[in-house]
Structures are given as C-alpha cells and as structure tokens.
C-alpha atoms as a PDB file:
ATOM      1  CA  MET A   1      18.061 -78.315 200.339  1.00  0.00           C
ATOM      2  CA  ASP A   2      14.659 -75.991 199.640  1.00  0.00           C
ATOM      3  CA  LEU A   3      11.655 -78.612 200.461  1.00  0.00           C
ATOM      4  CA  SER A   4       8.226 -76.478 200.593  1.00  0.00           C
ATOM      5  CA  ARG A   5       5.434 -79.288 202.122  1.00  0.00           C
ATOM      6  CA  LYS A   6       2.657 -79.893 200.342  1.00  0.00           C
ATOM      7  CA  GLU A   7      -0.053 -81.589 202.703  1.00  0.00           C
ATOM      8  CA  ASN A   8      -3.807 -83.696 202.546  1.00  0.00           C
ATOM      9  CA  LEU A   9      -4.061 -84.777 206.569  1.00  0.00           C
ATOM     10  CA  THR A  10      -7.709 -86.179 206.189  1.00  0.00           C
ATOM     11  CA  VAL A  11      -9.466 -88.756 204.807  1.00  0.00           C
ATOM     12  CA  THR A  12     -11.638 -87.472 202.105  1.00  0.00           C
ATOM     13  CA  LYS A  13     -14.401 -88.973 199.790  1.00  0.00           C
ATOM     14  CA  ARG A  14     -15.709 -87.821 196.834  1.00  0.00           C
ATOM     15  CA  ARG A  15     -18.787 -89.231 194.149  1.00  0.00           C
ATOM     16  CA  ILE A  16     -17.549 -89.280 190.752  1.00  0.00           C
ATOM     17  CA  ASP A  17     -19.931 -87.417 188.453  1.00  0.00           C
ATOM     18  CA  ALA A  18     -20.683 -87.602 184.626  1.00  0.00           C
ATOM     19  CA  GLU A  19     -18.091 -86.006 183.106  1.00  0.00           C
ATOM     20  CA  GLU A  20     -15.807 -87.831 185.452  1.00  0.00           C
ATOM     21  CA  ALA A  21     -16.867 -90.964 184.445  1.00  0.00           C
ATOM     22  CA  GLY A  22     -14.912 -93.828 181.894  1.00  0.00           C
ATOM     23  CA  GLN A  23     -11.598 -92.415 183.858  1.00  0.00           C
ATOM     24  CA  ARG A  24      -8.495 -94.700 184.947  1.00  0.00           C
ATOM     25  CA  LEU A  25      -8.686 -94.173 188.562  1.00  0.00           C
ATOM     26  CA  ASP A  26      -4.696 -93.528 188.572  1.00  0.00           C
ATOM     27  CA  ASN A  27      -5.127 -90.592 186.077  1.00  0.00           C
ATOM     28  CA  PHE A  28      -7.983 -89.856 188.344  1.00  0.00           C
ATOM     29  CA  LEU A  29      -5.843 -89.342 190.967  1.00  0.00           C
ATOM     30  CA  MET A  30      -2.984 -87.576 189.249  1.00  0.00           C
ATOM     31  CA  ARG A  31      -5.122 -84.792 188.725  1.00  0.00           C
ATOM     32  CA  ILE A  32      -6.576 -84.694 192.092  1.00  0.00           C
ATOM     33  CA  LEU A  33      -3.091 -85.560 194.080  1.00  0.00           C
ATOM     34  CA  LYS A  34      -1.324 -82.640 192.386  1.00  0.00           C
ATOM     35  CA  GLY A  35       2.338 -82.961 192.771  1.00  0.00           C
ATOM     36  CA  VAL A  36       2.580 -86.500 193.904  1.00  0.00           C
ATOM     37  CA  PRO A  37       4.406 -89.388 192.467  1.00  0.00           C
ATOM     38  CA  LYS A  38       3.000 -91.608 189.899  1.00  0.00           C
ATOM     39  CA  SER A  39       4.781 -94.134 191.782  1.00  0.00           C
ATOM     40  CA  ARG A  40       3.186 -93.384 194.884  1.00  0.00           C
ATOM     41  CA  ILE A  41      -0.110 -92.729 193.682  1.00  0.00           C
ATOM     42  CA  TYR A  42       0.162 -96.451 192.618  1.00  0.00           C
ATOM     43  CA  ARG A  43       1.442 -97.693 196.000  1.00  0.00           C
ATOM     44  CA  ILE A  44      -1.432 -96.113 197.955  1.00  0.00           C
ATOM     45  CA  ILE A  45      -4.184 -98.356 194.975  1.00  0.00           C
ATOM     46  CA  ARG A  46      -2.548-101.705 195.806  1.00  0.00           C
ATOM     47  CA  ALA A  47      -2.354-101.135 199.520  1.00  0.00           C
ATOM     48  CA  GLY A  48      -6.185-100.748 199.551  1.00  0.00           C
ATOM     49  CA  GLU A  49      -5.484 -97.044 200.947  1.00  0.00           C
ATOM     50  CA  VAL A  50      -7.614 -95.900 198.002  1.00  0.00           C
ATOM     51  CA  ARG A  51     -10.871 -97.670 198.346  1.00  0.00           C
ATOM     52  CA  ILE A  52     -14.426 -97.638 195.224  1.00  0.00           C
ATOM     53  CA  ASN A  53     -17.557 -97.734 196.961  1.00  0.00           C
ATOM     54  CA  GLY A  54     -15.672 -98.995 200.062  1.00  0.00           C
ATOM     55  CA  LYS A  55     -13.478-101.792 198.288  1.00  0.00           C
ATOM     56  CA  ARG A  56     -10.213-102.417 196.910  1.00  0.00           C
ATOM     57  CA  THR A  57      -9.730-102.026 193.198  1.00  0.00           C
ATOM     58  CA  ASP A  58      -6.741-101.817 190.498  1.00  0.00           C
ATOM     59  CA  VAL A  59      -4.668 -99.250 189.066  1.00  0.00           C
ATOM     60  CA  SER A  60      -6.460 -99.497 185.668  1.00  0.00           C
ATOM     61  CA  TYR A  61     -10.180 -99.154 187.341  1.00  0.00           C
ATOM     62  CA  HIS A  62     -12.409 -97.626 184.999  1.00  0.00           C
ATOM     63  CA  LEU A  63     -14.595 -94.420 187.149  1.00  0.00           C
ATOM     64  CA  GLN A  64     -18.312 -95.119 186.728  1.00  0.00           C
ATOM     65  CA  ALA A  65     -21.046 -92.156 187.804  1.00  0.00           C
ATOM     66  CA  ASP A  66     -22.210 -91.873 191.237  1.00  0.00           C
ATOM     67  CA  ASP A  67     -18.777 -94.329 192.545  1.00  0.00           C
ATOM     68  CA  GLU A  68     -17.745 -93.074 195.683  1.00  0.00           C
ATOM     69  CA  VAL A  69     -14.005 -93.005 195.905  1.00  0.00           C
ATOM     70  CA  ARG A  70     -11.767 -93.020 198.874  1.00  0.00           C
ATOM     71  CA  ILE A  71      -8.721 -90.919 199.359  1.00  0.00           C
ATOM     72  CA  PRO A  72      -6.358 -91.408 202.026  1.00  0.00           C
ATOM     73  CA  PRO A  73      -4.568 -88.716 204.036  1.00  0.00           C
ATOM     74  CA  VAL A  74      -1.426 -87.657 201.431  1.00  0.00           C
ATOM     75  CA  ARG A  75       1.774 -85.622 203.091  1.00  0.00           C
ATOM     76  CA  VAL A  76       4.364 -85.164 200.093  1.00  0.00           C
ATOM     77  CA  ALA A  77       7.714 -82.726 200.163  1.00  0.00           C
ATOM     78  CA  GLU A  78       8.338 -81.332 196.871  1.00  0.00           C
ATOM     79  CA  GLU A  79      11.879 -79.456 195.753  1.00  0.00           C
ATOM     80  CA  ALA A  80      11.741 -76.573 193.968  1.00  0.00           C
ATOM     81  CA  PRO A  81      12.570 -76.215 190.675  1.00  0.00           C
ATOM     82  CA  LYS A  82      15.997 -75.870 189.263  1.00  0.00           C
ATOM     83  CA  PRO A  83      17.313 -73.386 187.475  1.00  0.00           C
ATOM     84  CA  GLY A  84      16.721 -75.272 184.144  1.00  0.00           C
ATOM     85  CA  SER A  85      14.846 -77.946 185.261  1.00  0.00           C
ATOM     86  CA  GLY A  86      12.162 -79.646 183.244  1.00  0.00           C
ATOM     87  CA  ALA A  87       9.273 -77.702 184.785  1.00  0.00           C
ATOM     88  CA  GLY A  88       9.710 -74.395 183.374  1.00  0.00           C
ATOM     89  CA  PRO A  89       8.230 -71.460 183.280  1.00  0.00           C
ATOM     90  CA  THR A  90       4.018 -71.443 183.161  1.00  0.00           C
ATOM     91  CA  VAL A  91       2.927 -71.133 179.171  1.00  0.00           C
ATOM     92  CA  VAL A  92       0.704 -68.438 178.534  1.00  0.00           C
ATOM     93  CA  PHE A  93      -1.190 -70.609 174.900  1.00  0.00           C
ATOM     94  CA  ASP A  94      -2.194 -69.070 172.508  1.00  0.00           C
ATOM     95  CA  ILE A  95      -6.530 -69.914 171.994  1.00  0.00           C
ATOM     96  CA  LEU A  96      -7.450 -70.507 168.841  1.00  0.00           C
ATOM     97  CA  PHE A  97     -10.984 -72.270 169.921  1.00  0.00           C
ATOM     98  CA  GLU A  98     -13.002 -72.608 173.434  1.00  0.00           C
ATOM     99  CA  ASP A  99     -16.028 -73.437 174.376  1.00  0.00           C
ATOM    100  CA  ASP A 100     -17.428 -76.083 177.120  1.00  0.00           C
ATOM    101  CA  ALA A 101     -16.331 -79.391 175.269  1.00  0.00           C
ATOM    102  CA  LEU A 102     -13.572 -77.864 173.474  1.00  0.00           C
ATOM    103  CA  LEU A 103      -9.842 -76.358 173.861  1.00  0.00           C
ATOM    104  CA  ALA A 104      -7.636 -76.023 170.743  1.00  0.00           C
ATOM    105  CA  ILE A 105      -4.465 -74.218 171.071  1.00  0.00           C
ATOM    106  CA  ASN A 106      -1.632 -73.244 169.271  1.00  0.00           C
ATOM    107  CA  LYS A 107       1.660 -75.034 170.473  1.00  0.00           C
ATOM    108  CA  PRO A 108       4.864 -73.746 170.515  1.00  0.00           C
ATOM    109  CA  ALA A 109       7.823 -75.759 169.876  1.00  0.00           C
ATOM    110  CA  GLY A 110      10.290 -76.816 172.438  1.00  0.00           C
ATOM    111  CA  LEU A 111       7.124 -78.039 174.471  1.00  0.00           C
ATOM    112  CA  ALA A 112       5.886 -81.598 174.920  1.00  0.00           C
ATOM    113  CA  VAL A 113       2.174 -82.370 175.024  1.00  0.00           C
ATOM    114  CA  HIS A 114       3.007 -83.812 178.378  1.00  0.00           C
ATOM    115  CA  GLY A 115       5.287 -84.767 181.378  1.00  0.00           C
ATOM    116  CA  GLY A 116       7.188 -87.742 181.418  1.00  0.00           C
ATOM    117  CA  SER A 117      11.173 -88.553 179.805  1.00  0.00           C
ATOM    118  CA  GLY A 118      12.463 -86.177 182.381  1.00  0.00           C
ATOM    119  CA  ILE A 119       9.998 -83.506 181.890  1.00  0.00           C
ATOM    120  CA  SER A 120       7.700 -82.676 185.173  1.00  0.00           C
ATOM    121  CA  ARG A 121       5.016 -80.293 183.167  1.00  0.00           C
ATOM    122  CA  GLY A 122       3.703 -80.388 179.560  1.00  0.00           C
ATOM    123  CA  VAL A 123       1.222 -78.772 177.688  1.00  0.00           C
ATOM    124  CA  ILE A 124      -1.788 -80.705 179.914  1.00  0.00           C
ATOM    125  CA  GLU A 125       0.226 -80.517 183.092  1.00  0.00           C
ATOM    126  CA  GLN A 126       0.451 -77.101 182.547  1.00  0.00           C
ATOM    127  CA  LEU A 127      -3.087 -76.019 181.838  1.00  0.00           C
ATOM    128  CA  ARG A 128      -4.700 -78.070 184.827  1.00  0.00           C
ATOM    129  CA  HIS A 129      -1.857 -76.230 186.751  1.00  0.00           C
ATOM    130  CA  GLN A 130      -3.588 -73.307 185.430  1.00  0.00           C
ATOM    131  CA  ARG A 131      -6.875 -73.973 185.807  1.00  0.00           C
ATOM    132  CA  PRO A 132      -7.711 -75.766 189.131  1.00  0.00           C
ATOM    133  CA  GLN A 133     -11.152 -75.634 188.596  1.00  0.00           C
ATOM    134  CA  ALA A 134     -11.559 -77.373 185.752  1.00  0.00           C
ATOM    135  CA  LYS A 135     -13.215 -80.677 186.083  1.00  0.00           C
ATOM    136  CA  PHE A 136     -12.272 -82.551 183.212  1.00  0.00           C
ATOM    137  CA  LEU A 137      -9.006 -81.483 180.688  1.00  0.00           C
ATOM    138  CA  GLU A 138      -7.380 -84.386 178.092  1.00  0.00           C
ATOM    139  CA  LEU A 139      -5.357 -84.138 175.185  1.00  0.00           C
ATOM    140  CA  VAL A 140      -6.861 -85.349 172.243  1.00  0.00           C
ATOM    141  CA  HIS A 141      -3.805 -86.628 170.025  1.00  0.00           C
ATOM    142  CA  ARG A 142      -0.429 -85.260 170.291  1.00  0.00           C
ATOM    143  CA  LEU A 143       2.094 -83.485 168.679  1.00  0.00           C
ATOM    144  CA  ASP A 144       5.662 -83.939 169.049  1.00  0.00           C
ATOM    145  CA  ARG A 145       7.783 -82.026 171.316  1.00  0.00           C
ATOM    146  CA  GLU A 146       9.502 -79.735 168.325  1.00  0.00           C
ATOM    147  CA  THR A 147       6.343 -79.477 165.818  1.00  0.00           C
ATOM    148  CA  SER A 148       4.218 -76.237 166.537  1.00  0.00           C
ATOM    149  CA  GLY A 149       0.784 -76.195 165.936  1.00  0.00           C
ATOM    150  CA  ILE A 150      -3.191 -76.783 166.561  1.00  0.00           C
ATOM    151  CA  LEU A 151      -3.444 -78.394 169.384  1.00  0.00           C
ATOM    152  CA  LEU A 152      -6.893 -80.133 170.912  1.00  0.00           C
ATOM    153  CA  VAL A 153      -7.803 -80.581 174.307  1.00  0.00           C
ATOM    154  CA  ALA A 154     -11.387 -81.935 175.236  1.00  0.00           C
ATOM    155  CA  LYS A 155     -12.972 -80.738 178.428  1.00  0.00           C
ATOM    156  CA  LYS A 156     -16.179 -82.920 178.564  1.00  0.00           C
ATOM    157  CA  ARG A 157     -15.365 -86.555 178.477  1.00  0.00           C
ATOM    158  CA  SER A 158     -18.495 -86.860 175.925  1.00  0.00           C
ATOM    159  CA  ALA A 159     -16.485 -84.820 173.633  1.00  0.00           C
ATOM    160  CA  LEU A 160     -13.109 -86.732 173.973  1.00  0.00           C
ATOM    161  CA  VAL A 161     -15.211 -89.893 173.058  1.00  0.00           C
ATOM    162  CA  LYS A 162     -16.721 -88.239 170.001  1.00  0.00           C
ATOM    163  CA  LEU A 163     -13.815 -86.516 169.007  1.00  0.00           C
ATOM    164  CA  HIS A 164     -11.456 -89.735 169.140  1.00  0.00           C
ATOM    165  CA  GLU A 165     -14.225 -91.908 167.155  1.00  0.00           C
ATOM    166  CA  GLN A 166     -13.480 -88.952 164.559  1.00  0.00           C
ATOM    167  CA  ILE A 167     -10.033 -89.429 164.223  1.00  0.00           C
ATOM    168  CA  ARG A 168     -10.612 -93.881 164.345  1.00  0.00           C
ATOM    169  CA  GLN A 169     -13.320 -92.992 161.473  1.00  0.00           C
ATOM    170  CA  GLY A 170     -10.985 -90.600 159.323  1.00  0.00           C
ATOM    171  CA  GLN A 171     -13.433 -88.317 159.200  1.00  0.00           C
ATOM    172  CA  THR A 172     -11.046 -84.910 160.458  1.00  0.00           C
ATOM    173  CA  ASP A 173      -8.716 -82.735 157.827  1.00  0.00           C
ATOM    174  CA  LYS A 174      -4.901 -82.412 159.320  1.00  0.00           C
ATOM    175  CA  ARG A 175      -2.694 -80.143 157.880  1.00  0.00           C
ATOM    176  CA  TYR A 176       1.071 -79.086 158.422  1.00  0.00           C
ATOM    177  CA  PHE A 177       3.882 -77.113 156.397  1.00  0.00           C
ATOM    178  CA  ALA A 178       7.295 -78.727 156.713  1.00  0.00           C
ATOM    179  CA  LEU A 179      10.118 -77.739 154.909  1.00  0.00           C
ATOM    180  CA  ALA A 180      11.375 -80.522 152.849  1.00  0.00           C
ATOM    181  CA  LEU A 181      15.460 -80.439 151.974  1.00  0.00           C
ATOM    182  CA  GLY A 182      16.441 -82.046 148.256  1.00  0.00           C
ATOM    183  CA  ASP A 183      15.549 -80.924 145.366  1.00  0.00           C
ATOM    184  CA  TRP A 184      11.370 -81.482 145.533  1.00  0.00           C
ATOM    185  CA  GLY A 185       9.834 -83.261 142.384  1.00  0.00           C
ATOM    186  CA  LYS A 186       6.098 -83.801 141.729  1.00  0.00           C
ATOM    187  CA  PRO A 187       3.450 -81.025 142.723  1.00  0.00           C
ATOM    188  CA  VAL A 188       1.873 -83.930 144.926  1.00  0.00           C
ATOM    189  CA  GLN A 189       3.573 -87.398 146.087  1.00  0.00           C
ATOM    190  CA  ALA A 190       1.591 -89.792 147.802  1.00  0.00           C
ATOM    191  CA  VAL A 191       3.403 -91.932 150.473  1.00  0.00           C
ATOM    192  CA  LYS A 192       2.026 -95.375 151.586  1.00  0.00           C
ATOM    193  CA  ALA A 193       4.748 -96.850 153.696  1.00  0.00           C
ATOM    194  CA  PRO A 194       3.930 -99.217 156.274  1.00  0.00           C
ATOM    195  CA  LEU A 195       5.495 -97.682 159.621  1.00  0.00           C
ATOM    196  CA  HIS A 196       6.932 -99.859 162.758  1.00  0.00           C
ATOM    197  CA  LYS A 197       8.094 -98.400 166.078  1.00  0.00           C
ATOM    198  CA  PHE A 198      11.199 -99.750 168.097  1.00  0.00           C
ATOM    199  CA  LEU A 199      13.607 -98.757 170.707  1.00  0.00           C
ATOM    200  CA  LEU A 200      17.424 -97.804 170.873  1.00  0.00           C
ATOM    201  CA  PRO A 201      19.193 -99.291 173.321  1.00  0.00           C
ATOM    202  CA  ASP A 202      19.039 -96.049 175.691  1.00  0.00           C
ATOM    203  CA  GLY A 203      15.061 -96.354 175.397  1.00  0.00           C
ATOM    204  CA  GLU A 204      14.234 -93.717 173.391  1.00  0.00           C
ATOM    205  CA  ARG A 205      11.520 -94.483 170.389  1.00  0.00           C
ATOM    206  CA  ARG A 206      11.839 -94.493 166.898  1.00  0.00           C
ATOM    207  CA  VAL A 207      10.185 -95.037 163.956  1.00  0.00           C
ATOM    208  CA  ARG A 208      11.550 -96.866 160.633  1.00  0.00           C
ATOM    209  CA  VAL A 209       9.936 -97.827 157.297  1.00  0.00           C
ATOM    210  CA  GLU A 210       9.335-101.852 157.246  1.00  0.00           C
ATOM    211  CA  ALA A 211       7.099-104.558 155.687  1.00  0.00           C
ATOM    212  CA  GLY A 212       4.706-105.317 158.460  1.00  0.00           C
ATOM    213  CA  GLY A 213       4.416-101.983 160.050  1.00  0.00           C
ATOM    214  CA  GLN A 214       1.190-100.243 160.388  1.00  0.00           C
ATOM    215  CA  PRO A 215       0.014 -98.481 157.341  1.00  0.00           C
ATOM    216  CA  SER A 216       0.621 -95.385 156.840  1.00  0.00           C
ATOM    217  CA  HIS A 217      -0.609 -92.777 154.163  1.00  0.00           C
ATOM    218  CA  THR A 218       0.326 -89.028 153.683  1.00  0.00           C
ATOM    219  CA  VAL A 219      -0.344 -86.734 150.698  1.00  0.00           C
ATOM    220  CA  PHE A 220       2.554 -83.808 150.422  1.00  0.00           C
ATOM    221  CA  ARG A 221       1.443 -81.346 147.335  1.00  0.00           C
ATOM    222  CA  LEU A 222       4.303 -78.356 147.291  1.00  0.00           C
ATOM    223  CA  GLN A 223       3.905 -75.089 148.159  1.00  0.00           C
ATOM    224  CA  LYS A 224       6.847 -73.338 147.516  1.00  0.00           C
ATOM    225  CA  LYS A 225      10.552 -74.480 146.294  1.00  0.00           C
ATOM    226  CA  TRP A 226      14.156 -73.220 145.894  1.00  0.00           C
ATOM    227  CA  ALA A 227      17.206 -74.447 145.383  1.00  0.00           C
ATOM    228  CA  ASP A 228      17.699 -77.168 147.481  1.00  0.00           C
ATOM    229  CA  CYS A 229      14.500 -77.016 149.837  1.00  0.00           C
ATOM    230  CA  ALA A 230      10.637 -76.495 149.150  1.00  0.00           C
ATOM    231  CA  LEU A 231       8.215 -75.792 151.993  1.00  0.00           C
ATOM    232  CA  VAL A 232       5.663 -78.839 151.200  1.00  0.00           C
ATOM    233  CA  GLU A 233       1.948 -79.530 152.652  1.00  0.00           C
ATOM    234  CA  ALA A 234       1.693 -82.748 154.701  1.00  0.00           C
ATOM    235  CA  GLU A 235      -1.721 -84.155 154.455  1.00  0.00           C
ATOM    236  CA  LEU A 236      -2.707 -86.764 157.273  1.00  0.00           C
ATOM    237  CA  LYS A 237      -4.496 -89.557 155.616  1.00  0.00           C
ATOM    238  CA  THR A 238      -3.385 -91.821 159.209  1.00  0.00           C
ATOM    239  CA  GLY A 239      -1.494 -90.395 162.421  1.00  0.00           C
ATOM    240  CA  ARG A 240       1.041 -92.569 163.315  1.00  0.00           C
ATOM    241  CA  THR A 241       3.815 -91.655 165.356  1.00  0.00           C
ATOM    242  CA  HIS A 242       6.249 -89.742 163.757  1.00  0.00           C
ATOM    243  CA  GLN A 243       4.630 -90.158 160.428  1.00  0.00           C
ATOM    244  CA  ILE A 244       5.396 -87.337 158.118  1.00  0.00           C
ATOM    245  CA  ARG A 245       8.739 -87.017 159.485  1.00  0.00           C
ATOM    246  CA  VAL A 246       9.556 -90.559 158.756  1.00  0.00           C
ATOM    247  CA  HIS A 247       7.569 -90.325 155.367  1.00  0.00           C
ATOM    248  CA  LEU A 248       9.614 -87.438 153.875  1.00  0.00           C
ATOM    249  CA  GLN A 249      13.198 -89.310 155.179  1.00  0.00           C
ATOM    250  CA  HIS A 250      11.689 -91.763 153.303  1.00  0.00           C
ATOM    251  CA  LEU A 251      11.110 -89.858 150.289  1.00  0.00           C
ATOM    252  CA  GLY A 252      14.797 -88.331 150.569  1.00  0.00           C
ATOM    253  CA  HIS A 253      13.429 -85.365 151.812  1.00  0.00           C
ATOM    254  CA  PRO A 254      14.754 -85.030 155.801  1.00  0.00           C
ATOM    255  CA  ILE A 255      12.701 -82.038 157.659  1.00  0.00           C
ATOM    256  CA  ALA A 256      15.070 -78.939 158.272  1.00  0.00           C
ATOM    257  CA  GLY A 257      16.246 -79.044 161.047  1.00  0.00           C
ATOM    258  CA  ASP A 258      14.624 -82.561 162.512  1.00  0.00           C
ATOM    259  CA  ASP A 259      17.226 -83.695 165.402  1.00  0.00           C
ATOM    260  CA  LYS A 260      16.250 -87.770 164.682  1.00  0.00           C
ATOM    261  CA  TYR A 261      15.293 -88.284 161.157  1.00  0.00           C
ATOM    262  CA  GLY A 262      17.220 -85.140 158.894  1.00  0.00           C
ATOM    263  CA  ASP A 263      20.292 -84.639 157.866  1.00  0.00           C
ATOM    264  CA  PHE A 264      22.242 -83.606 161.040  1.00  0.00           C
ATOM    265  CA  PRO A 265      24.865 -81.817 158.877  1.00  0.00           C
ATOM    266  CA  ARG A 266      22.917 -79.897 157.096  1.00  0.00           C
ATOM    267  CA  ASN A 267      21.256 -78.793 160.138  1.00  0.00           C
ATOM    268  CA  LYS A 268      24.468 -77.135 162.343  1.00  0.00           C
ATOM    269  CA  GLN A 269      24.114 -75.463 159.006  1.00  0.00           C
ATOM    270  CA  LEU A 270      20.557 -74.330 159.022  1.00  0.00           C
ATOM    271  CA  ALA A 271      21.050 -73.382 162.676  1.00  0.00           C
ATOM    272  CA  ARG A 272      23.327 -70.752 161.250  1.00  0.00           C
ATOM    273  CA  GLU A 273      21.494 -69.586 159.264  1.00  0.00           C
ATOM    274  CA  GLY A 274      19.307 -69.014 161.264  1.00  0.00           C
ATOM    275  CA  LEU A 275      16.808 -71.885 161.718  1.00  0.00           C
ATOM    276  CA  LYS A 276      17.063 -73.479 165.013  1.00  0.00           C
ATOM    277  CA  ARG A 277      14.137 -75.696 165.236  1.00  0.00           C
ATOM    278  CA  MET A 278      12.254 -78.321 163.560  1.00  0.00           C
ATOM    279  CA  PHE A 279      10.162 -76.797 160.608  1.00  0.00           C
ATOM    280  CA  LEU A 280       7.151 -79.258 161.116  1.00  0.00           C
ATOM    281  CA  HIS A 281       3.787 -77.068 161.953  1.00  0.00           C
ATOM    282  CA  ALA A 282       0.048 -78.147 162.348  1.00  0.00           C
ATOM    283  CA  CYS A 283      -1.316 -75.201 160.252  1.00  0.00           C
ATOM    284  CA  ARG A 284      -4.616 -76.465 159.932  1.00  0.00           C
ATOM    285  CA  MET A 285      -7.364 -79.201 160.633  1.00  0.00           C
ATOM    286  CA  ARG A 286     -11.180 -79.453 160.326  1.00  0.00           C
ATOM    287  CA  LEU A 287     -13.293 -81.956 161.860  1.00  0.00           C
ATOM    288  CA  THR A 288     -17.100 -81.838 163.787  1.00  0.00           C
ATOM    289  CA  HIS A 289     -17.838 -80.301 166.588  1.00  0.00           C
ATOM    290  CA  PRO A 290     -17.930 -82.784 168.726  1.00  0.00           C
ATOM    291  CA  LEU A 291     -21.289 -81.529 170.249  1.00  0.00           C
ATOM    292  CA  THR A 292     -23.056 -79.531 168.448  1.00  0.00           C
ATOM    293  CA  GLY A 293     -22.463 -81.101 165.273  1.00  0.00           C
ATOM    294  CA  ALA A 294     -21.190 -78.013 163.601  1.00  0.00           C
ATOM    295  CA  PRO A 295     -18.073 -77.727 160.954  1.00  0.00           C
ATOM    296  CA  LEU A 296     -14.931 -76.423 162.615  1.00  0.00           C
ATOM    297  CA  GLN A 297     -12.051 -75.073 161.012  1.00  0.00           C
ATOM    298  CA  LEU A 298      -9.092 -74.151 162.877  1.00  0.00           C
ATOM    299  CA  GLU A 299      -5.817 -72.724 161.953  1.00  0.00           C
ATOM    300  CA  ALA A 300      -2.469 -71.753 162.991  1.00  0.00           C
ATOM    301  CA  PRO A 301      -0.357 -69.167 161.602  1.00  0.00           C
ATOM    302  CA  LEU A 302       3.565 -70.027 160.943  1.00  0.00           C
ATOM    303  CA  PRO A 303       5.272 -69.106 164.588  1.00  0.00           C
ATOM    304  CA  PRO A 304       7.549 -65.889 163.490  1.00  0.00           C
ATOM    305  CA  GLU A 305      10.750 -67.837 163.415  1.00  0.00           C
ATOM    306  CA  LEU A 306       9.676 -70.173 160.564  1.00  0.00           C
ATOM    307  CA  SER A 307       8.209 -66.959 158.649  1.00  0.00           C
ATOM    308  CA  HIS A 308      11.119 -65.718 159.573  1.00  0.00           C
ATOM    309  CA  TYR A 309      13.327 -67.942 157.683  1.00  0.00           C
ATOM    310  CA  LEU A 310      11.045 -68.254 154.708  1.00  0.00           C
ATOM    311  CA  SER A 311      11.730 -64.999 154.082  1.00  0.00           C
ATOM    312  CA  VAL A 312      15.940 -65.725 154.349  1.00  0.00           C
ATOM    313  CA  LEU A 313      15.401 -68.067 151.812  1.00  0.00           C
ATOM    314  CA  ASP A 314      13.859 -66.014 149.390  1.00  0.00           C
ATOM    315  CA  GLN A 315      16.250 -63.030 149.781  1.00  0.00           C
ATOM    316  CA  THR A 316      19.348 -65.578 149.123  1.00  0.00           C
ATOM    317  CA  SER A 317      18.471 -68.186 147.205  1.00  0.00           C
ATOM    318  CA  GLY A 318      15.139 -66.974 145.584  1.00  0.00           C
ATOM    319  CA  ALA A 319      12.076 -69.280 145.379  1.00  0.00           C
ATOM    320  CA  ALA A 320      11.969 -71.652 141.658  1.00  0.00           C
ATOM    321  CA  HIS A 321       8.368 -72.003 141.815  1.00  0.00           C
ATOM    322  CA  ALA A 322       5.248 -71.273 144.315  1.00  0.00           C
ATOM    323  CA  ASN A 323       1.582 -72.492 144.436  1.00  0.00           C
ATOM    324  CA  ALA A 324      -0.986 -70.177 145.947  1.00  0.00           C
END
C-alpha cells in the first residue's frame, strides 16, 4: 500500500484574528490540520491536547479574537487516492465574481459542496486546497450535488454573517431553471407546501410534503413548453432542503433526470436521448454586497449539456409555447 506521510512534530500556538473569530474550534482545526480525520481532531480536543488560552475546552467552542490556540504535534499517514475514489481530480472553477469579501462560482453538476458520505473533497475543500493562503473560506449556502450554478463562498467572517442575515430575512432573490416533466398548465404556479425531512433505512436523507413540516414557498414561471415537458424558472421564497425538487414532484411535474424524486423509467429514456444529469441549474441571484451595501446581480448561463438537450427538444418535438 502506497502511503504518503504528513508530519507536524512540534507544538504550535496560533493567535486568532478578527476574521477567524466566531468559528467552532473543530471546524478551525480541520482547516489548519489538513488531511487529519475529523475523529482524530475530536480525540485530541477531548483529551485536552488542544488548549485555548492554556485551558481545556470543548469541540463546539467558538473562537474569540486574540484567543491563543495550542495545537499539539500531529502525525498522519494518508493513503494515496485510488482511481475512482471520492477525492477526484482538481476542479478549475468558473468564477462569476470575486473581491476581498466574497467569491461566487458556477458549480458544476456532480460535485458536492462539501466532503462527507464517501466524498473526501467537495467544493469548499477544493477551494481551500487551491488557496492555502486564504485565512477564511466558508460556504454561504448549499446546492445539491447534481445541481449546477451559482454558489457563494464568504472570504471574511463579517461577510458571512451579513449574507446569512440577508438570507434569513428574505432579502436575496434566487432563481433556478428546471425542466419539469409532463404537460405544464398555468404560466405561473405558486406552491406553498410544508416540507418534512426524514431518513431512509440506509440513512439517506429525503424530503416529503407533510402537514406540520417547515413552511415552504416556491413560485414557478413557464419559460418554454414542449409536448411532454416544460422549462420553468423557480423563484425560491424559502430555502428548504430539496425544495424545488419536492415541490415539482408535488405538482406532478418531477424534474427531468432527478434520481431521488423523479420519474425513474422516464429518466432512463432521457439518458438515452442525451440528458444524463438532473436538469436543475441556479441561474441568477440578486443580493446586497455584504460589506459595501451595493446591489449585486450574479448570472450563470446554462451549462452546455443542458443547452444541448433543449436544442434536441426543439429539433424533435418543437416548442409549443415560449416566454421571453
């Protein structure tokens, strides 16, 4: 077995600055001790090997400015990634916007936003690996693994706090394009259906419409219609897990290619026709810049594989209706 060894054999002490303040201790250490398993980090904290201002602390402690963190010697043996493993190749991200506070990328489909569940390196881990000099990189929100489009990453804690406040107060405008299966009806359809999260027997997360679930609201606007599917724009009024996917399923119009809530026999047919992924793309976002207060609009064009499939639909079935 080919192992590469990473070693840090001396105690280090690190002073927390204003931008690092507010982070949980375990999250901070996972960035500092790259490649160290989370379970190992938890062990050294609980054993008292990590100290804050000379004192033992808990994994959930939130760092304060000027805290001194004692980081113990750590030796890690890492197995070299195997072909087909979760690490995957390094991704060159399409950057839509960047300044000192904020980074917006056009996330490709098939890439998780963070590692876990057999995925060793998601978007945020890739960015931290590519930018080792960055003191702070945190996801502002999430996208499903198979969803492409606009993803925000904060480069300052102050920016993260302001952006989270905007999201909580409904001050951002997020739009998605989805290809909905079936004969779409009204030009505009608003769905207010509560969503409940649950786990399958194998531990996989799912969501369903259920009384008593979290209040959820999506507005769908028809963009273009074919005989048995329609391109719709989804406006998120709330931001629940799998909200667009489940709301479209609830309407009887599951998303083309959705492997969790979709029409599975139809998905096989779509794959033969060239659509080999879920047709859901975060295409536009309006927000206020978290530090300057200036209005900011971000746009991510449809990726080539989705644009191509729309062309296939035009050629094979023709568009019955289109909105500008």
